[in-house]
Each structure stands twice: as C-alpha cells, then as structure tokens.
C-alpha atoms as a PDB file:
ATOM      1  CA  MET A   1      32.143  48.164 -32.737  1.00  0.00           C
ATOM      2  CA  ILE A   2      28.990  50.252 -32.275  1.00  0.00           C
ATOM      3  CA  VAL A   3      28.753  49.443 -28.562  1.00  0.00           C
ATOM      4  CA  ASP A   4      32.405  50.299 -28.066  1.00  0.00           C
ATOM      5  CA  TYR A   5      32.059  53.595 -29.924  1.00  0.00           C
ATOM      6  CA  LEU A   6      28.977  54.648 -27.938  1.00  0.00           C
ATOM      7  CA  GLY A   7      30.608  53.711 -24.626  1.00  0.00           C
ATOM      8  CA  VAL A   8      33.814  55.612 -25.326  1.00  0.00           C
ATOM      9  CA  MET A   9      31.961  58.692 -26.591  1.00  0.00           C
ATOM     10  CA  ASP A  10      29.838  58.786 -23.389  1.00  0.00           C
ATOM     11  CA  HIS A  11      32.998  58.283 -21.298  1.00  0.00           C
ATOM     12  CA  SER A  12      31.470  55.091 -19.962  1.00  0.00           C
ATOM     13  CA  TRP A  13      34.855  53.472 -20.536  1.00  0.00           C
ATOM     14  CA  PHE A  14      38.222  54.277 -22.059  1.00  0.00           C
ATOM     15  CA  TYR A  15      41.245  52.235 -23.079  1.00  0.00           C
ATOM     16  CA  PRO A  16      44.496  54.105 -22.358  1.00  0.00           C
ATOM     17  CA  THR A  17      46.660  51.782 -24.458  1.00  0.00           C
ATOM     18  CA  THR A  18      46.385  49.670 -27.569  1.00  0.00           C
ATOM     19  CA  MET A  19      48.784  47.257 -29.198  1.00  0.00           C
ATOM     20  CA  PHE A  20      47.869  48.563 -32.662  1.00  0.00           C
ATOM     21  CA  PRO A  21      49.054  51.888 -34.133  1.00  0.00           C
ATOM     22  CA  PHE A  22      45.509  53.206 -34.629  1.00  0.00           C
ATOM     23  CA  ARG A  23      41.998  53.136 -33.189  1.00  0.00           C
ATOM     24  CA  LEU A  24      38.805  52.406 -35.101  1.00  0.00           C
ATOM     25  CA  PHE A  25      37.136  55.752 -35.831  1.00  0.00           C
ATOM     26  CA  GLY A  26      39.637  57.306 -33.459  1.00  0.00           C
ATOM     27  CA  VAL A  27      38.219  55.620 -30.345  1.00  0.00           C
ATOM     28  CA  GLY A  28      37.683  51.852 -30.668  1.00  0.00           C
ATOM     29  CA  LEU A  29      40.261  49.123 -30.310  1.00  0.00           C
ATOM     30  CA  ILE A  30      40.796  46.249 -32.681  1.00  0.00           C
ATOM     31  CA  GLU A  31      41.525  44.164 -29.583  1.00  0.00           C
ATOM     32  CA  ASN A  32      37.927  44.694 -28.489  1.00  0.00           C
ATOM     33  CA  LEU A  33      36.584  43.161 -31.701  1.00  0.00           C
ATOM     34  CA  ILE A  34      38.804  40.133 -31.144  1.00  0.00           C
ATOM     35  CA  PHE A  35      37.912  39.938 -27.445  1.00  0.00           C
ATOM     36  CA  GLY A  36      34.194  40.328 -28.163  1.00  0.00           C
ATOM     37  CA  PHE A  37      34.207  37.509 -30.683  1.00  0.00           C
ATOM     38  CA  LEU A  38      36.252  35.198 -28.430  1.00  0.00           C
ATOM     39  CA  PHE A  39      34.176  36.014 -25.331  1.00  0.00           C
ATOM     40  CA  ILE A  40      30.924  35.135 -27.102  1.00  0.00           C
ATOM     41  CA  TYR A  41      32.518  32.100 -28.759  1.00  0.00           C
ATOM     42  CA  ASN A  42      33.802  30.809 -25.402  1.00  0.00           C
ATOM     43  CA  ASN A  43      30.361  31.170 -23.842  1.00  0.00           C
ATOM     44  CA  VAL A  44      28.745  29.211 -26.663  1.00  0.00           C
ATOM     45  CA  ILE A  45      31.434  26.503 -26.782  1.00  0.00           C
ATOM     46  CA  PHE A  46      31.305  26.019 -23.007  1.00  0.00           C
ATOM     47  CA  TYR A  47      27.512  25.775 -23.150  1.00  0.00           C
ATOM     48  CA  GLU A  48      27.507  23.383 -26.117  1.00  0.00           C
ATOM     49  CA  HIS A  49      30.222  21.118 -24.746  1.00  0.00           C
ATOM     50  CA  PHE A  50      29.087  20.806 -21.151  1.00  0.00           C
ATOM     51  CA  LEU A  51      25.352  21.485 -21.127  1.00  0.00           C
ATOM     52  CA  ASP A  52      23.666  21.306 -24.522  1.00  0.00           C
ATOM     53  CA  LYS A  53      23.778  18.068 -26.464  1.00  0.00           C
ATOM     54  CA  GLY A  54      21.428  19.230 -29.230  1.00  0.00           C
ATOM     55  CA  LYS A  55      22.007  19.751 -32.922  1.00  0.00           C
ATOM     56  CA  HIS A  56      25.475  20.434 -34.222  1.00  0.00           C
ATOM     57  CA  GLU A  57      25.099  22.260 -37.529  1.00  0.00           C
ATOM     58  CA  LEU A  58      27.607  25.027 -38.017  1.00  0.00           C
ATOM     59  CA  ILE A  59      25.127  27.765 -38.986  1.00  0.00           C
ATOM     60  CA  ASP A  60      21.354  27.540 -38.993  1.00  0.00           C
ATOM     61  CA  ARG A  61      19.124  29.110 -41.635  1.00  0.00           C
ATOM     62  CA  LYS A  62      17.607  31.317 -38.914  1.00  0.00           C
ATOM     63  CA  MET A  63      20.917  33.189 -38.651  1.00  0.00           C
ATOM     64  CA  LYS A  64      19.830  35.461 -41.516  1.00  0.00           C
ATOM     65  CA  TYR A  65      17.236  36.949 -39.142  1.00  0.00           C
ATOM     66  CA  LEU A  66      20.101  38.177 -36.990  1.00  0.00           C
ATOM     67  CA  ILE A  67      22.540  39.110 -39.759  1.00  0.00           C
ATOM     68  CA  TRP A  68      20.203  41.364 -41.774  1.00  0.00           C
ATOM     69  CA  PRO A  69      19.191  43.582 -38.845  1.00  0.00           C
ATOM     70  CA  LEU A  70      22.868  43.836 -37.853  1.00  0.00           C
ATOM     71  CA  ILE A  71      23.793  44.952 -41.375  1.00  0.00           C
ATOM     72  CA  VAL A  72      21.021  47.574 -41.307  1.00  0.00           C
ATOM     73  CA  LEU A  73      22.166  48.729 -37.852  1.00  0.00           C
ATOM     74  CA  MET A  74      25.753  49.079 -39.108  1.00  0.00           C
ATOM     75  CA  LEU A  75      24.590  51.091 -42.126  1.00  0.00           C
ATOM     76  CA  VAL A  76      22.561  53.423 -39.893  1.00  0.00           C
ATOM     77  CA  PHE A  77      25.534  53.765 -37.522  1.00  0.00           C
ATOM     78  CA  PHE A  78      27.961  54.653 -40.327  1.00  0.00           C
ATOM     79  CA  THR A  79      25.493  57.084 -41.864  1.00  0.00           C
ATOM     80  CA  ILE A  80      25.067  58.922 -38.556  1.00  0.00           C
ATOM     81  CA  LEU A  81      28.810  58.733 -37.849  1.00  0.00           C
ATOM     82  CA  PHE A  82      29.685  60.487 -41.095  1.00  0.00           C
ATOM     83  CA  ILE A  83      26.730  62.902 -41.297  1.00  0.00           C
ATOM     84  CA  LYS A  84      26.022  63.942 -37.700  1.00  0.00           C
ATOM     85  CA  PRO A  85      28.338  62.173 -35.186  1.00  0.00           C
ATOM     86  CA  GLU A  86      27.146  64.249 -32.237  1.00  0.00           C
ATOM     87  CA  LEU A  87      23.958  62.136 -32.276  1.00  0.00           C
ATOM     88  CA  LEU A  88      26.121  59.209 -31.154  1.00  0.00           C
ATOM     89  CA  VAL A  89      26.976  60.857 -27.830  1.00  0.00           C
ATOM     90  CA  ILE A  90      24.267  59.284 -25.710  1.00  0.00           C
ATOM     91  CA  PRO A  91      24.108  59.896 -21.939  1.00  0.00           C
ATOM     92  CA  TYR A  92      24.006  56.718 -19.848  1.00  0.00           C
ATOM     93  CA  ALA A  93      25.031  54.739 -22.924  1.00  0.00           C
ATOM     94  CA  TYR A  94      26.214  51.724 -20.904  1.00  0.00           C
ATOM     95  CA  PHE A  95      22.869  51.378 -19.153  1.00  0.00           C
ATOM     96  CA  GLY A  96      20.867  51.833 -22.362  1.00  0.00           C
ATOM     97  CA  ILE A  97      23.022  49.397 -24.336  1.00  0.00           C
ATOM     98  CA  GLY A  98      22.800  46.825 -21.571  1.00  0.00           C
ATOM     99  CA  ILE A  99      19.036  47.067 -21.290  1.00  0.00           C
ATOM    100  CA  ILE A 100      18.350  47.040 -25.046  1.00  0.00           C
ATOM    101  CA  LEU A 101      20.936  44.517 -26.263  1.00  0.00           C
ATOM    102  CA  LEU A 102      21.354  42.222 -23.250  1.00  0.00           C
ATOM    103  CA  PHE A 103      18.634  42.398 -20.591  1.00  0.00           C
ATOM    104  CA  LEU A 104      15.433  42.693 -22.646  1.00  0.00           C
ATOM    105  CA  PRO A 105      16.341  40.026 -25.237  1.00  0.00           C
ATOM    106  CA  ALA A 106      17.359  37.554 -22.520  1.00  0.00           C
ATOM    107  CA  ILE A 107      14.210  38.137 -20.455  1.00  0.00           C
ATOM    108  CA  THR A 108      11.993  37.915 -23.539  1.00  0.00           C
ATOM    109  CA  PHE A 109      13.637  34.721 -24.785  1.00  0.00           C
ATOM    110  CA  LEU A 110      13.539  33.051 -21.364  1.00  0.00           C
ATOM    111  CA  SER A 111       9.872  33.934 -20.925  1.00  0.00           C
ATOM    112  CA  PHE A 112       9.190  31.694 -23.952  1.00  0.00           C
ATOM    113  CA  PHE A 113      11.799  29.028 -23.116  1.00  0.00           C
ATOM    114  CA  PRO A 114      12.140  28.965 -19.298  1.00  0.00           C
ATOM    115  CA  ARG A 115      13.485  25.401 -19.234  1.00  0.00           C
ATOM    116  CA  LEU A 116      16.822  26.718 -20.553  1.00  0.00           C
ATOM    117  CA  LEU A 117      17.357  28.940 -17.508  1.00  0.00           C
ATOM    118  CA  SER A 118      19.093  26.271 -15.416  1.00  0.00           C
ATOM    119  CA  LYS A 119      21.646  25.590 -18.175  1.00  0.00           C
ATOM    120  CA  TYR A 120      22.149  29.317 -18.667  1.00  0.00           C
ATOM    121  CA  ILE A 121      22.722  29.880 -14.947  1.00  0.00           C
ATOM    122  CA  LYS A 122      25.425  27.186 -14.890  1.00  0.00           C
ATOM    123  CA  THR A 123      27.231  28.800 -17.806  1.00  0.00           C
ATOM    124  CA  ALA A 124      26.772  32.305 -16.405  1.00  0.00           C
ATOM    125  CA  SER A 125      28.170  31.207 -13.010  1.00  0.00           C
ATOM    126  CA  TYR A 126      31.387  30.025 -14.596  1.00  0.00           C
ATOM    127  CA  PHE A 127      31.763  33.164 -16.711  1.00  0.00           C
ATOM    128  CA  PHE A 128      30.852  35.389 -13.757  1.00  0.00           C
ATOM    129  CA  LEU A 129      33.974  34.176 -11.972  1.00  0.00           C
ATOM    130  CA  LEU A 130      36.063  34.461 -15.115  1.00  0.00           C
ATOM    131  CA  THR A 131      34.919  37.988 -15.982  1.00  0.00           C
ATOM    132  CA  ILE A 132      35.308  39.341 -12.459  1.00  0.00           C
ATOM    133  CA  LEU A 133      38.894  38.063 -12.348  1.00  0.00           C
ATOM    134  CA  PHE A 134      39.472  39.551 -15.780  1.00  0.00           C
ATOM    135  CA  GLU A 135      38.023  42.864 -14.572  1.00  0.00           C
ATOM    136  CA  PHE A 136      40.299  43.033 -11.537  1.00  0.00           C
ATOM    137  CA  THR A 137      43.321  42.216 -13.694  1.00  0.00           C
ATOM    138  CA  ALA A 138      42.418  44.797 -16.359  1.00  0.00           C
ATOM    139  CA  LEU A 139      41.767  47.529 -13.789  1.00  0.00           C
ATOM    140  CA  HIS A 140      45.003  46.721 -11.973  1.00  0.00           C
ATOM    141  CA  LEU A 141      46.975  46.882 -15.247  1.00  0.00           C
ATOM    142  CA  ASN A 142      45.107  50.034 -16.367  1.00  0.00           C
ATOM    143  CA  GLN A 143      43.867  48.318 -19.525  1.00  0.00           C
ATOM    144  CA  TRP A 144      40.609  50.242 -19.201  1.00  0.00           C
ATOM    145  CA  THR A 145      39.059  52.879 -17.010  1.00  0.00           C
ATOM    146  CA  PHE A 146      35.597  54.276 -16.334  1.00  0.00           C
ATOM    147  CA  PRO A 147      36.165  58.052 -16.485  1.00  0.00           C
ATOM    148  CA  GLY A 148      32.575  59.246 -16.877  1.00  0.00           C
ATOM    149  CA  ASN A 149      29.765  59.992 -14.476  1.00  0.00           C
ATOM    150  CA  ASN A 150      26.810  58.639 -16.474  1.00  0.00           C
ATOM    151  CA  PHE A 151      26.330  55.500 -14.407  1.00  0.00           C
ATOM    152  CA  ILE A 152      23.486  54.399 -12.182  1.00  0.00           C
ATOM    153  CA  GLY A 153      25.934  53.494  -9.407  1.00  0.00           C
ATOM    154  CA  TRP A 154      29.322  52.117  -8.453  1.00  0.00           C
ATOM    155  CA  VAL A 155      30.567  48.819  -7.057  1.00  0.00           C
ATOM    156  CA  GLU A 156      33.691  48.507  -4.930  1.00  0.00           C
ATOM    157  CA  LEU A 157      35.222  45.064  -4.473  1.00  0.00           C
ATOM    158  CA  PHE A 158      38.694  44.224  -3.167  1.00  0.00           C
ATOM    159  CA  GLY A 159      39.872  47.793  -3.704  1.00  0.00           C
ATOM    160  CA  TYR A 160      38.609  48.035  -7.282  1.00  0.00           C
ATOM    161  CA  ARG A 161      35.848  50.411  -8.336  1.00  0.00           C
ATOM    162  CA  PHE A 162      33.699  49.963 -11.434  1.00  0.00           C
ATOM    163  CA  PRO A 163      30.183  50.953 -12.554  1.00  0.00           C
ATOM    164  CA  PHE A 164      27.175  48.962 -11.440  1.00  0.00           C
ATOM    165  CA  GLU A 165      26.372  48.487 -15.141  1.00  0.00           C
ATOM    166  CA  GLU A 166      29.645  46.577 -15.550  1.00  0.00           C
ATOM    167  CA  PHE A 167      28.672  44.277 -12.702  1.00  0.00           C
ATOM    168  CA  LEU A 168      25.111  43.782 -13.906  1.00  0.00           C
ATOM    169  CA  PHE A 169      25.595  43.490 -17.653  1.00  0.00           C
ATOM    170  CA  PHE A 170      29.168  42.213 -18.149  1.00  0.00           C
ATOM    171  CA  PHE A 171      29.416  39.883 -15.147  1.00  0.00           C
ATOM    172  CA  CYS A 172      25.826  38.695 -14.639  1.00  0.00           C
ATOM    173  CA  ILE A 173      23.731  39.010 -17.801  1.00  0.00           C
ATOM    174  CA  ALA A 174      26.122  38.867 -20.770  1.00  0.00           C
ATOM    175  CA  SER A 175      26.453  35.065 -20.854  1.00  0.00           C
ATOM    176  CA  ILE A 176      22.716  34.540 -20.534  1.00  0.00           C
ATOM    177  CA  SER A 177      22.063  37.053 -23.324  1.00  0.00           C
ATOM    178  CA  PHE A 178      24.642  35.551 -25.671  1.00  0.00           C
ATOM    179  CA  LEU A 179      23.159  32.100 -25.150  1.00  0.00           C
ATOM    180  CA  SER A 180      19.657  33.458 -25.751  1.00  0.00           C
ATOM    181  CA  TYR A 181      20.739  34.914 -29.077  1.00  0.00           C
ATOM    182  CA  TYR A 182      22.536  31.670 -29.889  1.00  0.00           C
ATOM    183  CA  GLU A 183      19.552  29.455 -29.095  1.00  0.00           C
ATOM    184  CA  LEU A 184      17.140  31.735 -30.947  1.00  0.00           C
ATOM    185  CA  PHE A 185      19.149  32.182 -34.125  1.00  0.00           C
ATOM    186  CA  ASP A 186      21.458  29.179 -34.376  1.00  0.00           C
ATOM    187  CA  ASP A 187      20.397  26.292 -32.158  1.00  0.00           C
ATOM    188  CA  ASP A 188      17.360  24.106 -31.458  1.00  0.00           C
ATOM    189  CA  ARG A 189      15.981  25.923 -28.363  1.00  0.00           C
ATOM    190  CA  LYS A 190      16.158  22.739 -26.302  1.00  0.00           C
END
C-alpha cells in the first residue's frame, strides 16, 4: 500500500481503471493489494515446491522481526499521510523504493548465503517470463501507465515502452528479493 501510494504520487505509475468503486487514499487500488500478496505467494510456493525441500512450518518465530518494523512503517506512513502528505511526494520514487526494499536486501542476504543464488535464479527466470508477459498484456489493455518523467531510463520491447526501473526491479530482482525475505524471516536459509 505504501509503495503503491508513493509510486502514484510521483507519477511513476497510474491505474486508469479499477473494478472497485473507490481507491485507497484516493490513489491506490485494492486489486494491487490482492495482486501483491498473490505475486509474492506464487514466488514462494514455486520456490518451495520445485527447489527448496527444507522445513515446512507455516510461520517461523523469526517472522516477528519482519512484522514489527512493518507495523512501525505503516504507523509512520499514516502519520505523515494525515499530518503532512506533501512529504510523500518523492522524486524518483520507483528507483528509491526498488533500491531500498528490493535490491539492497537481496544483495545483503545473498552475500551471507550465496549458495541460495542458483535456486533464486531458477525461480527468477520463470517469473521473469511471467511478469514480462503480464506487463505486455497490462500495457496493451491500458491497465496501467507510466505517466511521469522521474525514471532513470526507458525500455522498448515489441512496441511497448516502460521504465527501466520496471524492467530491473519488477522483472529481474523482485523474485530474488521476495525469496531473500522469505528465507531470512520464515525459512531455514538452506
């Protein structure tokens, strides 16, 4: 929800239509919360089923180390949103979000557990193909657009144009980052 809000406010992305009669805080889509959960869940389930035959507890005790900071982050976000929302308009939000929430955690985790990289690459390869097809479909159907100019570059493939950040973070790094969070907070790191 925070990522979506920051991206829309920076004009990094926009969703012209929604299937619900309202938007979260006037900008975010409920569909994105559902998609975000299912996208992460699919990455983890694919990884667990095909590549990781480790422990199978539903939730590990380490999960509290992820949940508490997320609760604090949400409280800070809501406080700023209601007191001084202009602070949430951050230039180059997509790049900053991608670096802070995806790239740096994945690189840090893999520097301590490099043996997981081969399993991560296999999962990321599958989801790279899936997300790029999803991107082409969504752009073709005008499910989202990238109206802003705060990007580090653009990629053009098969007649579709999208920010380099979308290619780097959504297509290439997202799966690896999700699995890094998963292994750190809910799995056995093996």
